């Protein structure tokens, strides 16, 4: 469980450290308004993941269930805010990332004190996949993601 907390904490920190760099996506006219909306939505995703990590690190399962439900609610808001956008490649990456985090929210809401290491490994894999696709979307938008 501590490994998952570390992954969630790293994502939350990472989302606060992104910067926009020069570059133009290869498809569709992407304007700064949409690019900034996506960046803001990803930062807010990191914020929504914070309580999930806090609850996991303290083994507070009622708080974990609540924070995972809240994450799912935020993902609905995020999707409405940024999709669809003008770039189909960014849209695809964002949709994959959002759907991946929905899976994470569902899986983490189901965690209990009797969850197995296999359950936690499956959750970790889902987090990694969702995180990768969100980062792919940011890269396509010309957002530099610092390496940690």
C-alpha atoms as a PDB file:
ATOM      1  CA  UNK A   1       0.000   0.000   0.000  1.00  0.00           C
ATOM      2  CA  UNK A   2       2.904   2.360   0.726  1.00  0.00           C
ATOM      3  CA  UNK A   3       4.192   1.902  -2.858  1.00  0.00           C
ATOM      4  CA  UNK A   4       0.832   3.037  -4.212  1.00  0.00           C
ATOM      5  CA  UNK A   5       0.923   6.052  -1.927  1.00  0.00           C
ATOM      6  CA  UNK A   6       4.343   6.957  -3.269  1.00  0.00           C
ATOM      7  CA  UNK A   7       3.086   6.704  -6.864  1.00  0.00           C
ATOM      8  CA  UNK A   8       0.056   8.869  -6.075  1.00  0.00           C
ATOM      9  CA  UNK A   9       2.189  11.430  -4.246  1.00  0.00           C
ATOM     10  CA  UNK A  10       4.649  11.585  -7.143  1.00  0.00           C
ATOM     11  CA  UNK A  11       1.827  12.211  -9.604  1.00  0.00           C
ATOM     12  CA  UNK A  12       0.384  14.954  -7.406  1.00  0.00           C
ATOM     13  CA  UNK A  13       3.777  16.651  -7.207  1.00  0.00           C
ATOM     14  CA  UNK A  14       4.446  16.155 -10.886  1.00  0.00           C
ATOM     15  CA  UNK A  15       1.218  17.798 -11.976  1.00  0.00           C
ATOM     16  CA  UNK A  16       2.199  20.926 -10.102  1.00  0.00           C
ATOM     17  CA  UNK A  17       5.567  21.086 -11.871  1.00  0.00           C
ATOM     18  CA  UNK A  18       4.517  21.117 -15.502  1.00  0.00           C
ATOM     19  CA  UNK A  19       5.417  24.004 -17.744  1.00  0.00           C
ATOM     20  CA  UNK A  20       4.321  24.853 -21.256  1.00  0.00           C
ATOM     21  CA  UNK A  21       7.061  24.873 -23.857  1.00  0.00           C
ATOM     22  CA  UNK A  22       7.077  26.129 -27.391  1.00  0.00           C
ATOM     23  CA  UNK A  23       5.652  23.721 -29.888  1.00  0.00           C
ATOM     24  CA  UNK A  24       2.595  23.157 -31.961  1.00  0.00           C
ATOM     25  CA  UNK A  25       0.574  19.959 -32.022  1.00  0.00           C
ATOM     26  CA  UNK A  26       0.574  18.293 -35.402  1.00  0.00           C
ATOM     27  CA  UNK A  27      -3.205  18.123 -35.805  1.00  0.00           C
ATOM     28  CA  UNK A  28      -6.058  20.567 -35.379  1.00  0.00           C
ATOM     29  CA  UNK A  29      -5.787  24.173 -34.293  1.00  0.00           C
ATOM     30  CA  UNK A  30      -5.097  23.911 -30.582  1.00  0.00           C
ATOM     31  CA  UNK A  31      -5.527  27.228 -28.825  1.00  0.00           C
ATOM     32  CA  UNK A  32      -4.005  28.288 -25.530  1.00  0.00           C
ATOM     33  CA  UNK A  33      -7.414  28.335 -23.858  1.00  0.00           C
ATOM     34  CA  UNK A  34      -7.883  24.594 -24.387  1.00  0.00           C
ATOM     35  CA  UNK A  35      -4.242  23.788 -23.657  1.00  0.00           C
ATOM     36  CA  UNK A  36      -4.495  25.713 -20.367  1.00  0.00           C
ATOM     37  CA  UNK A  37      -7.805  24.013 -19.528  1.00  0.00           C
ATOM     38  CA  UNK A  38      -6.144  20.616 -19.980  1.00  0.00           C
ATOM     39  CA  UNK A  39      -3.166  21.636 -17.839  1.00  0.00           C
ATOM     40  CA  UNK A  40      -5.488  22.943 -15.123  1.00  0.00           C
ATOM     41  CA  UNK A  41      -7.576  19.762 -15.264  1.00  0.00           C
ATOM     42  CA  UNK A  42      -4.461  17.612 -14.812  1.00  0.00           C
ATOM     43  CA  UNK A  43      -3.293  19.737 -11.883  1.00  0.00           C
ATOM     44  CA  UNK A  44      -6.740  19.299 -10.316  1.00  0.00           C
ATOM     45  CA  UNK A  45      -6.451  15.555 -10.957  1.00  0.00           C
ATOM     46  CA  UNK A  46      -3.299  15.575  -8.854  1.00  0.00           C
ATOM     47  CA  UNK A  47      -5.215  17.439  -6.166  1.00  0.00           C
ATOM     48  CA  UNK A  48      -8.033  14.877  -6.310  1.00  0.00           C
ATOM     49  CA  UNK A  49      -5.485  12.065  -5.915  1.00  0.00           C
ATOM     50  CA  UNK A  50      -4.030  13.593  -2.744  1.00  0.00           C
ATOM     51  CA  UNK A  51      -6.789  12.390  -0.378  1.00  0.00           C
ATOM     52  CA  UNK A  52      -6.600   8.931  -1.951  1.00  0.00           C
ATOM     53  CA  UNK A  53      -2.903   8.727  -1.119  1.00  0.00           C
ATOM     54  CA  UNK A  54      -3.478  10.122   2.379  1.00  0.00           C
ATOM     55  CA  UNK A  55      -6.165   7.534   3.115  1.00  0.00           C
ATOM     56  CA  UNK A  56      -3.995   4.720   1.734  1.00  0.00           C
ATOM     57  CA  UNK A  57      -1.006   5.731   3.809  1.00  0.00           C
ATOM     58  CA  UNK A  58      -3.066   5.740   6.994  1.00  0.00           C
ATOM     59  CA  UNK A  59      -5.027   2.565   6.126  1.00  0.00           C
ATOM     60  CA  UNK A  60      -8.239   4.567   6.668  1.00  0.00           C
ATOM     61  CA  UNK A  61     -10.576   2.492   4.505  1.00  0.00           C
ATOM     62  CA  UNK A  62     -13.755   4.568   5.036  1.00  0.00           C
ATOM     63  CA  UNK A  63     -11.811   7.699   4.002  1.00  0.00           C
ATOM     64  CA  UNK A  64     -10.316   5.751   1.096  1.00  0.00           C
ATOM     65  CA  UNK A  65     -13.757   4.791  -0.183  1.00  0.00           C
ATOM     66  CA  UNK A  66     -14.934   8.394   0.064  1.00  0.00           C
ATOM     67  CA  UNK A  67     -11.849   9.827  -1.616  1.00  0.00           C
ATOM     68  CA  UNK A  68     -12.036   7.236  -4.417  1.00  0.00           C
ATOM     69  CA  UNK A  69     -15.682   8.142  -5.051  1.00  0.00           C
ATOM     70  CA  UNK A  70     -14.668  11.817  -5.067  1.00  0.00           C
ATOM     71  CA  UNK A  71     -11.942  10.995  -7.599  1.00  0.00           C
ATOM     72  CA  UNK A  72     -14.554   9.378  -9.843  1.00  0.00           C
ATOM     73  CA  UNK A  73     -16.757  12.467  -9.550  1.00  0.00           C
ATOM     74  CA  UNK A  74     -13.826  14.723 -10.423  1.00  0.00           C
ATOM     75  CA  UNK A  75     -13.044  12.599 -13.494  1.00  0.00           C
ATOM     76  CA  UNK A  76     -16.573  13.251 -14.782  1.00  0.00           C
ATOM     77  CA  UNK A  77     -15.963  16.985 -14.342  1.00  0.00           C
ATOM     78  CA  UNK A  78     -12.551  16.752 -15.988  1.00  0.00           C
ATOM     79  CA  UNK A  79     -13.990  14.953 -18.979  1.00  0.00           C
ATOM     80  CA  UNK A  80     -16.713  17.569 -19.456  1.00  0.00           C
ATOM     81  CA  UNK A  81     -14.139  20.385 -19.186  1.00  0.00           C
ATOM     82  CA  UNK A  82     -11.582  19.181 -21.714  1.00  0.00           C
ATOM     83  CA  UNK A  83     -13.202  16.690 -24.076  1.00  0.00           C
ATOM     84  CA  UNK A  84     -13.597  16.824 -26.927  1.00  0.00           C
ATOM     85  CA  UNK A  85     -10.819  19.166 -27.885  1.00  0.00           C
ATOM     86  CA  UNK A  86      -9.506  20.109 -31.311  1.00  0.00           C
ATOM     87  CA  UNK A  87      -6.705  17.516 -31.469  1.00  0.00           C
ATOM     88  CA  UNK A  88      -7.812  13.888 -31.930  1.00  0.00           C
ATOM     89  CA  UNK A  89      -4.509  12.479 -30.655  1.00  0.00           C
ATOM     90  CA  UNK A  90      -4.701  14.508 -27.456  1.00  0.00           C
ATOM     91  CA  UNK A  91      -8.371  13.560 -27.115  1.00  0.00           C
ATOM     92  CA  UNK A  92      -7.488   9.876 -27.371  1.00  0.00           C
ATOM     93  CA  UNK A  93      -4.727  10.108 -24.785  1.00  0.00           C
ATOM     94  CA  UNK A  94      -6.912  12.126 -22.402  1.00  0.00           C
ATOM     95  CA  UNK A  95      -9.829   9.735 -22.780  1.00  0.00           C
ATOM     96  CA  UNK A  96      -7.562   6.743 -22.133  1.00  0.00           C
ATOM     97  CA  UNK A  97      -6.090   8.460 -19.071  1.00  0.00           C
ATOM     98  CA  UNK A  98      -9.470   9.492 -17.693  1.00  0.00           C
ATOM     99  CA  UNK A  99     -10.891   6.016 -18.282  1.00  0.00           C
ATOM    100  CA  UNK A 100      -7.805   4.519 -16.655  1.00  0.00           C
ATOM    101  CA  UNK A 101      -8.236   6.687 -13.577  1.00  0.00           C
ATOM    102  CA  UNK A 102     -11.920   5.733 -13.465  1.00  0.00           C
ATOM    103  CA  UNK A 103     -10.750   2.133 -13.242  1.00  0.00           C
ATOM    104  CA  UNK A 104      -8.337   3.183 -10.477  1.00  0.00           C
ATOM    105  CA  UNK A 105     -11.181   4.901  -8.590  1.00  0.00           C
ATOM    106  CA  UNK A 106     -13.334   1.786  -8.835  1.00  0.00           C
ATOM    107  CA  UNK A 107     -10.503  -0.507  -7.774  1.00  0.00           C
ATOM    108  CA  UNK A 108      -9.378   1.635  -4.856  1.00  0.00           C
ATOM    109  CA  UNK A 109     -12.944   2.046  -3.608  1.00  0.00           C
ATOM    110  CA  UNK A 110     -13.121  -1.744  -3.372  1.00  0.00           C
ATOM    111  CA  UNK A 111      -9.955  -2.059  -1.237  1.00  0.00           C
ATOM    112  CA  UNK A 112     -10.418  -3.460   2.235  1.00  0.00           C
ATOM    113  CA  UNK A 113      -8.075  -4.615   4.998  1.00  0.00           C
ATOM    114  CA  UNK A 114      -8.295  -8.081   3.425  1.00  0.00           C
ATOM    115  CA  UNK A 115      -7.189  -6.951  -0.046  1.00  0.00           C
ATOM    116  CA  UNK A 116      -4.422  -9.131  -1.383  1.00  0.00           C
ATOM    117  CA  UNK A 117      -1.021  -8.120  -2.704  1.00  0.00           C
ATOM    118  CA  UNK A 118      -2.357  -9.103  -6.150  1.00  0.00           C
ATOM    119  CA  UNK A 119      -5.186  -6.549  -5.734  1.00  0.00           C
ATOM    120  CA  UNK A 120      -2.642  -3.861  -4.884  1.00  0.00           C
ATOM    121  CA  UNK A 121      -0.420  -4.863  -7.801  1.00  0.00           C
ATOM    122  CA  UNK A 122      -3.386  -4.629 -10.161  1.00  0.00           C
ATOM    123  CA  UNK A 123      -4.165  -1.163  -8.804  1.00  0.00           C
ATOM    124  CA  UNK A 124      -0.552  -0.111  -9.245  1.00  0.00           C
ATOM    125  CA  UNK A 125      -0.576  -1.276 -12.872  1.00  0.00           C
ATOM    126  CA  UNK A 126      -3.801   0.659 -13.510  1.00  0.00           C
ATOM    127  CA  UNK A 127      -2.295   3.821 -11.970  1.00  0.00           C
ATOM    128  CA  UNK A 128       0.821   3.497 -14.116  1.00  0.00           C
ATOM    129  CA  UNK A 129      -1.216   3.063 -17.298  1.00  0.00           C
ATOM    130  CA  UNK A 130      -3.532   5.993 -16.587  1.00  0.00           C
ATOM    131  CA  UNK A 131      -0.596   8.201 -15.600  1.00  0.00           C
ATOM    132  CA  UNK A 132       1.255   7.357 -18.811  1.00  0.00           C
ATOM    133  CA  UNK A 133      -1.695   8.324 -21.010  1.00  0.00           C
ATOM    134  CA  UNK A 134      -2.226  11.632 -19.187  1.00  0.00           C
ATOM    135  CA  UNK A 135       1.475  12.397 -19.636  1.00  0.00           C
ATOM    136  CA  UNK A 136       1.180  11.440 -23.324  1.00  0.00           C
ATOM    137  CA  UNK A 137      -1.608  14.013 -23.711  1.00  0.00           C
ATOM    138  CA  UNK A 138       0.475  16.692 -22.014  1.00  0.00           C
ATOM    139  CA  UNK A 139       3.476  15.929 -24.215  1.00  0.00           C
ATOM    140  CA  UNK A 140       1.302  16.182 -27.327  1.00  0.00           C
ATOM    141  CA  UNK A 141       0.258  19.636 -26.108  1.00  0.00           C
ATOM    142  CA  UNK A 142       3.874  20.713 -25.769  1.00  0.00           C
ATOM    143  CA  UNK A 143       3.930  20.558 -21.972  1.00  0.00           C
ATOM    144  CA  UNK A 144       7.307  19.690 -20.552  1.00  0.00           C
ATOM    145  CA  UNK A 145       7.157  17.125 -17.771  1.00  0.00           C
ATOM    146  CA  UNK A 146      10.196  17.166 -15.503  1.00  0.00           C
ATOM    147  CA  UNK A 147      11.885  13.839 -14.868  1.00  0.00           C
ATOM    148  CA  UNK A 148      12.067  12.782 -11.249  1.00  0.00           C
END
